[in-house]
Amino acid sequence: MSNVEDIVSPCIGVCTLNDATGFCQGCYRTIEEIREWWNMSDEARAKTMGELDQRMADGTSFD
């Protein structure tokens, strides 16, 4: 049995893509990551979540 649903979507409902970074201002995902989220494997979701943590830690700003 797959546990894909165990890794929940990082969406927080602030769905605006930043033109400069290409990241969503709410969840820091790219449009491709958002579009493919429900088709991703556990491994791909975990990898994406790690990348989101790094994007936030890097101080990506949307000002």
PDB file of N, CA and C in Angstrom:
ATOM      1  N   MET A   1       0.834  -1.187   0.000  1.00  0.00           N
ATOM      2  CA  MET A   1       0.000   0.000   0.000  1.00  0.00           C
ATOM      3  C   MET A   1       0.874   1.245   0.000  1.00  0.00           C
ATOM      4  N   SER A   2       0.559   2.202  -0.828  1.00  0.00           N
ATOM      5  CA  SER A   2       1.315   3.442  -0.931  1.00  0.00           C
ATOM      6  C   SER A   2       0.858   4.423   0.132  1.00  0.00           C
ATOM      7  N   ASN A   3       1.796   5.241   0.599  1.00  0.00           N
ATOM      8  CA  ASN A   3       1.435   6.263   1.572  1.00  0.00           C
ATOM      9  C   ASN A   3       1.674   7.656   1.012  1.00  0.00           C
ATOM     10  N   VAL A   4       1.411   7.832  -0.278  1.00  0.00           N
ATOM     11  CA  VAL A   4       1.600   9.130  -0.928  1.00  0.00           C
ATOM     12  C   VAL A   4       0.833  10.213  -0.189  1.00  0.00           C
ATOM     13  N   GLU A   5      -0.373   9.898   0.302  1.00  0.00           N
ATOM     14  CA  GLU A   5      -1.180  10.889   0.988  1.00  0.00           C
ATOM     15  C   GLU A   5      -0.559  11.323   2.309  1.00  0.00           C
ATOM     16  N   ASP A   6       0.412  10.561   2.837  1.00  0.00           N
ATOM     17  CA  ASP A   6       1.060  10.918   4.091  1.00  0.00           C
ATOM     18  C   ASP A   6       1.871  12.201   3.963  1.00  0.00           C
ATOM     19  N   ILE A   7       2.351  12.506   2.790  1.00  0.00           N
ATOM     20  CA  ILE A   7       3.087  13.747   2.558  1.00  0.00           C
ATOM     21  C   ILE A   7       2.082  14.736   1.985  1.00  0.00           C
ATOM     22  N   VAL A   8       1.564  15.586   2.854  1.00  0.00           N
ATOM     23  CA  VAL A   8       0.493  16.494   2.453  1.00  0.00           C
ATOM     24  C   VAL A   8       1.027  17.646   1.610  1.00  0.00           C
ATOM     25  N   SER A   9       0.149  18.214   0.837  1.00  0.00           N
ATOM     26  CA  SER A   9       0.502  19.358   0.007  1.00  0.00           C
ATOM     27  C   SER A   9       0.930  20.529   0.888  1.00  0.00           C
ATOM     28  N   PRO A  10       1.987  21.232   0.499  1.00  0.00           N
ATOM     29  CA  PRO A  10       2.429  22.394   1.265  1.00  0.00           C
ATOM     30  C   PRO A  10       1.609  23.657   0.976  1.00  0.00           C
ATOM     31  N   CYS A  11       0.584  23.538   0.154  1.00  0.00           N
ATOM     32  CA  CYS A  11      -0.235  24.694  -0.204  1.00  0.00           C
ATOM     33  C   CYS A  11      -0.861  25.309   1.045  1.00  0.00           C
ATOM     34  N   ILE A  12      -0.755  26.645   1.161  1.00  0.00           N
ATOM     35  CA  ILE A  12      -1.386  27.359   2.274  1.00  0.00           C
ATOM     36  C   ILE A  12      -2.459  28.322   1.774  1.00  0.00           C
ATOM     37  N   GLY A  13      -2.816  28.199   0.501  1.00  0.00           N
ATOM     38  CA  GLY A  13      -3.892  29.009  -0.047  1.00  0.00           C
ATOM     39  C   GLY A  13      -3.494  30.404  -0.482  1.00  0.00           C
ATOM     40  N   VAL A  14      -2.202  30.677  -0.548  1.00  0.00           N
ATOM     41  CA  VAL A  14      -1.704  31.961  -1.046  1.00  0.00           C
ATOM     42  C   VAL A  14      -1.082  31.671  -2.407  1.00  0.00           C
ATOM     43  N   CYS A  15      -1.925  31.519  -3.400  1.00  0.00           N
ATOM     44  CA  CYS A  15      -1.506  30.984  -4.693  1.00  0.00           C
ATOM     45  C   CYS A  15      -1.209  32.097  -5.688  1.00  0.00           C
ATOM     46  N   THR A  16      -0.011  32.653  -5.567  1.00  0.00           N
ATOM     47  CA  THR A  16       0.440  33.707  -6.465  1.00  0.00           C
ATOM     48  C   THR A  16       1.870  33.406  -6.868  1.00  0.00           C
ATOM     49  N   LEU A  17       2.103  33.254  -8.165  1.00  0.00           N
ATOM     50  CA  LEU A  17       3.463  32.996  -8.633  1.00  0.00           C
ATOM     51  C   LEU A  17       4.227  34.303  -8.757  1.00  0.00           C
ATOM     52  N   ASN A  18       5.459  34.283  -8.271  1.00  0.00           N
ATOM     53  CA  ASN A  18       6.336  35.439  -8.370  1.00  0.00           C
ATOM     54  C   ASN A  18       7.053  35.393  -9.706  1.00  0.00           C
ATOM     55  N   ASP A  19       6.942  36.460 -10.484  1.00  0.00           N
ATOM     56  CA  ASP A  19       7.558  36.494 -11.812  1.00  0.00           C
ATOM     57  C   ASP A  19       9.080  36.383 -11.756  1.00  0.00           C
ATOM     58  N   ALA A  20       9.698  36.975 -10.754  1.00  0.00           N
ATOM     59  CA  ALA A  20      11.159  36.986 -10.670  1.00  0.00           C
ATOM     60  C   ALA A  20      11.735  35.622 -10.301  1.00  0.00           C
ATOM     61  N   THR A  21      11.080  34.920  -9.375  1.00  0.00           N
ATOM     62  CA  THR A  21      11.626  33.647  -8.897  1.00  0.00           C
ATOM     63  C   THR A  21      10.981  32.433  -9.552  1.00  0.00           C
ATOM     64  N   GLY A  22       9.737  32.575  -9.991  1.00  0.00           N
ATOM     65  CA  GLY A  22       8.993  31.440 -10.518  1.00  0.00           C
ATOM     66  C   GLY A  22       8.384  30.578  -9.430  1.00  0.00           C
ATOM     67  N   PHE A  23       8.506  31.005  -8.168  1.00  0.00           N
ATOM     68  CA  PHE A  23       7.972  30.259  -7.034  1.00  0.00           C
ATOM     69  C   PHE A  23       6.639  30.843  -6.594  1.00  0.00           C
ATOM     70  N   CYS A  24       5.776  29.965  -6.085  1.00  0.00           N
ATOM     71  CA  CYS A  24       4.540  30.414  -5.459  1.00  0.00           C
ATOM     72  C   CYS A  24       4.911  31.165  -4.179  1.00  0.00           C
ATOM     73  N   GLN A  25       4.265  32.282  -3.953  1.00  0.00           N
ATOM     74  CA  GLN A  25       4.557  33.082  -2.764  1.00  0.00           C
ATOM     75  C   GLN A  25       4.036  32.441  -1.484  1.00  0.00           C
ATOM     76  N   GLY A  26       3.165  31.462  -1.596  1.00  0.00           N
ATOM     77  CA  GLY A  26       2.649  30.783  -0.411  1.00  0.00           C
ATOM     78  C   GLY A  26       3.421  29.534  -0.044  1.00  0.00           C
ATOM     79  N   CYS A  27       3.700  28.691  -1.037  1.00  0.00           N
ATOM     80  CA  CYS A  27       4.307  27.387  -0.733  1.00  0.00           C
ATOM     81  C   CYS A  27       5.706  27.202  -1.320  1.00  0.00           C
ATOM     82  N   TYR A  28       6.173  28.169  -2.099  1.00  0.00           N
ATOM     83  CA  TYR A  28       7.519  28.135  -2.685  1.00  0.00           C
ATOM     84  C   TYR A  28       7.711  27.071  -3.760  1.00  0.00           C
ATOM     85  N   ARG A  29       6.609  26.502  -4.260  1.00  0.00           N
ATOM     86  CA  ARG A  29       6.746  25.531  -5.347  1.00  0.00           C
ATOM     87  C   ARG A  29       6.691  26.238  -6.693  1.00  0.00           C
ATOM     88  N   THR A  30       7.254  25.579  -7.706  1.00  0.00           N
ATOM     89  CA  THR A  30       7.119  26.059  -9.079  1.00  0.00           C
ATOM     90  C   THR A  30       5.771  25.604  -9.619  1.00  0.00           C
ATOM     91  N   ILE A  31       5.350  26.175 -10.728  1.00  0.00           N
ATOM     92  CA  ILE A  31       4.077  25.768 -11.327  1.00  0.00           C
ATOM     93  C   ILE A  31       4.109  24.285 -11.697  1.00  0.00           C
ATOM     94  N   GLU A  32       5.263  23.792 -12.135  1.00  0.00           N
ATOM     95  CA  GLU A  32       5.383  22.378 -12.487  1.00  0.00           C
ATOM     96  C   GLU A  32       5.205  21.492 -11.255  1.00  0.00           C
ATOM     97  N   GLU A  33       5.811  21.896 -10.132  1.00  0.00           N
ATOM     98  CA  GLU A  33       5.676  21.123  -8.898  1.00  0.00           C
ATOM     99  C   GLU A  33       4.226  21.129  -8.404  1.00  0.00           C
ATOM    100  N   ILE A  34       3.568  22.263  -8.526  1.00  0.00           N
ATOM    101  CA  ILE A  34       2.162  22.367  -8.120  1.00  0.00           C
ATOM    102  C   ILE A  34       1.297  21.466  -8.996  1.00  0.00           C
ATOM    103  N   ARG A  35       1.514  21.562 -10.279  1.00  0.00           N
ATOM    104  CA  ARG A  35       0.716  20.799 -11.246  1.00  0.00           C
ATOM    105  C   ARG A  35       0.883  19.292 -11.053  1.00  0.00           C
ATOM    106  N   GLU A  36       2.087  18.839 -10.759  1.00  0.00           N
ATOM    107  CA  GLU A  36       2.388  17.407 -10.691  1.00  0.00           C
ATOM    108  C   GLU A  36       2.260  16.801  -9.299  1.00  0.00           C
ATOM    109  N   TRP A  37       1.981  17.606  -8.286  1.00  0.00           N
ATOM    110  CA  TRP A  37       2.002  17.129  -6.900  1.00  0.00           C
ATOM    111  C   TRP A  37       1.245  15.821  -6.705  1.00  0.00           C
ATOM    112  N   TRP A  38       0.015  15.734  -7.192  1.00  0.00           N
ATOM    113  CA  TRP A  38      -0.816  14.555  -6.934  1.00  0.00           C
ATOM    114  C   TRP A  38      -0.374  13.336  -7.735  1.00  0.00           C
ATOM    115  N   ASN A  39       0.504  13.518  -8.716  1.00  0.00           N
ATOM    116  CA  ASN A  39       1.032  12.402  -9.499  1.00  0.00           C
ATOM    117  C   ASN A  39       2.410  11.954  -9.022  1.00  0.00           C
ATOM    118  N   MET A  40       3.005  12.686  -8.091  1.00  0.00           N
ATOM    119  CA  MET A  40       4.362  12.393  -7.629  1.00  0.00           C
ATOM    120  C   MET A  40       4.396  11.173  -6.714  1.00  0.00           C
ATOM    121  N   SER A  41       5.519  10.466  -6.764  1.00  0.00           N
ATOM    122  CA  SER A  41       5.769   9.366  -5.835  1.00  0.00           C
ATOM    123  C   SER A  41       6.124   9.937  -4.460  1.00  0.00           C
ATOM    124  N   ASP A  42       6.147   9.070  -3.448  1.00  0.00           N
ATOM    125  CA  ASP A  42       6.577   9.488  -2.113  1.00  0.00           C
ATOM    126  C   ASP A  42       7.957  10.128  -2.166  1.00  0.00           C
ATOM    127  N   GLU A  43       8.850   9.503  -2.915  1.00  0.00           N
ATOM    128  CA  GLU A  43      10.224   9.985  -3.001  1.00  0.00           C
ATOM    129  C   GLU A  43      10.280  11.372  -3.637  1.00  0.00           C
ATOM    130  N   ALA A  44       9.514  11.568  -4.692  1.00  0.00           N
ATOM    131  CA  ALA A  44       9.505  12.866  -5.371  1.00  0.00           C
ATOM    132  C   ALA A  44       8.904  13.944  -4.478  1.00  0.00           C
ATOM    133  N   ARG A  45       7.854  13.598  -3.746  1.00  0.00           N
ATOM    134  CA  ARG A  45       7.254  14.573  -2.827  1.00  0.00           C
ATOM    135  C   ARG A  45       8.225  14.939  -1.714  1.00  0.00           C
ATOM    136  N   ALA A  46       8.902  13.942  -1.167  1.00  0.00           N
ATOM    137  CA  ALA A  46       9.870  14.201  -0.101  1.00  0.00           C
ATOM    138  C   ALA A  46      11.009  15.073  -0.614  1.00  0.00           C
ATOM    139  N   LYS A  47      11.472  14.802  -1.811  1.00  0.00           N
ATOM    140  CA  LYS A  47      12.538  15.608  -2.416  1.00  0.00           C
ATOM    141  C   LYS A  47      12.071  17.047  -2.596  1.00  0.00           C
ATOM    142  N   THR A  48      10.868  17.223  -3.098  1.00  0.00           N
ATOM    143  CA  THR A  48      10.322  18.562  -3.292  1.00  0.00           C
ATOM    144  C   THR A  48      10.196  19.288  -1.958  1.00  0.00           C
ATOM    145  N   MET A  49       9.708  18.608  -0.936  1.00  0.00           N
ATOM    146  CA  MET A  49       9.568  19.235   0.379  1.00  0.00           C
ATOM    147  C   MET A  49      10.922  19.702   0.907  1.00  0.00           C
ATOM    148  N   GLY A  50      11.971  18.908   0.702  1.00  0.00           N
ATOM    149  CA  GLY A  50      13.310  19.314   1.108  1.00  0.00           C
ATOM    150  C   GLY A  50      13.789  20.537   0.355  1.00  0.00           C
ATOM    151  N   GLU A  51      13.462  20.602  -0.918  1.00  0.00           N
ATOM    152  CA  GLU A  51      13.832  21.765  -1.720  1.00  0.00           C
ATOM    153  C   GLU A  51      13.082  23.009  -1.255  1.00  0.00           C
ATOM    154  N   LEU A  52      11.837  22.849  -0.842  1.00  0.00           N
ATOM    155  CA  LEU A  52      11.060  23.989  -0.342  1.00  0.00           C
ATOM    156  C   LEU A  52      11.692  24.528   0.931  1.00  0.00           C
ATOM    157  N   ASP A  53      12.097  23.625   1.819  1.00  0.00           N
ATOM    158  CA  ASP A  53      12.766  24.045   3.046  1.00  0.00           C
ATOM    159  C   ASP A  53      14.013  24.856   2.723  1.00  0.00           C
ATOM    160  N   GLN A  54      14.768  24.409   1.730  1.00  0.00           N
ATOM    161  CA  GLN A  54      15.988  25.114   1.349  1.00  0.00           C
ATOM    162  C   GLN A  54      15.667  26.469   0.736  1.00  0.00           C
ATOM    163  N   ARG A  55      14.643  26.539  -0.090  1.00  0.00           N
ATOM    164  CA  ARG A  55      14.247  27.819  -0.690  1.00  0.00           C
ATOM    165  C   ARG A  55      13.879  28.828   0.390  1.00  0.00           C
ATOM    166  N   MET A  56      13.137  28.378   1.395  1.00  0.00           N
ATOM    167  CA  MET A  56      12.756  29.276   2.491  1.00  0.00           C
ATOM    168  C   MET A  56      13.980  29.674   3.310  1.00  0.00           C
ATOM    169  N   ALA A  57      14.871  28.716   3.578  1.00  0.00           N
ATOM    170  CA  ALA A  57      16.076  28.986   4.360  1.00  0.00           C
ATOM    171  C   ALA A  57      17.012  29.946   3.637  1.00  0.00           C
ATOM    172  N   ASP A  58      17.004  29.885   2.313  1.00  0.00           N
ATOM    173  CA  ASP A  58      17.846  30.783   1.523  1.00  0.00           C
ATOM    174  C   ASP A  58      17.358  32.222   1.591  1.00  0.00           C
ATOM    175  N   GLY A  59      16.187  32.412   2.170  1.00  0.00           N
ATOM    176  CA  GLY A  59      15.660  33.760   2.327  1.00  0.00           C
ATOM    177  C   GLY A  59      15.060  34.331   1.067  1.00  0.00           C
ATOM    178  N   THR A  60      14.559  33.454   0.198  1.00  0.00           N
ATOM    179  CA  THR A  60      13.893  33.933  -1.003  1.00  0.00           C
ATOM    180  C   THR A  60      12.821  34.922  -0.585  1.00  0.00           C
ATOM    181  N   SER A  61      12.912  36.126  -1.106  1.00  0.00           N
ATOM    182  CA  SER A  61      11.982  37.191  -0.739  1.00  0.00           C
ATOM    183  C   SER A  61      11.109  37.561  -1.919  1.00  0.00           C
ATOM    184  N   PHE A  62       9.895  37.958  -1.634  1.00  0.00           N
ATOM    185  CA  PHE A  62       8.967  38.335  -2.687  1.00  0.00           C
ATOM    186  C   PHE A  62       8.637  39.822  -2.644  1.00  0.00           C
ATOM    187  N   ASP A  63       9.439  40.589  -1.943  1.00  0.00           N
ATOM    188  CA  ASP A  63       9.206  42.043  -1.872  1.00  0.00           C
ATOM    189  C   ASP A  63       9.561  42.738  -3.156  1.00  0.00           C
TER     190      ASP A  63
END
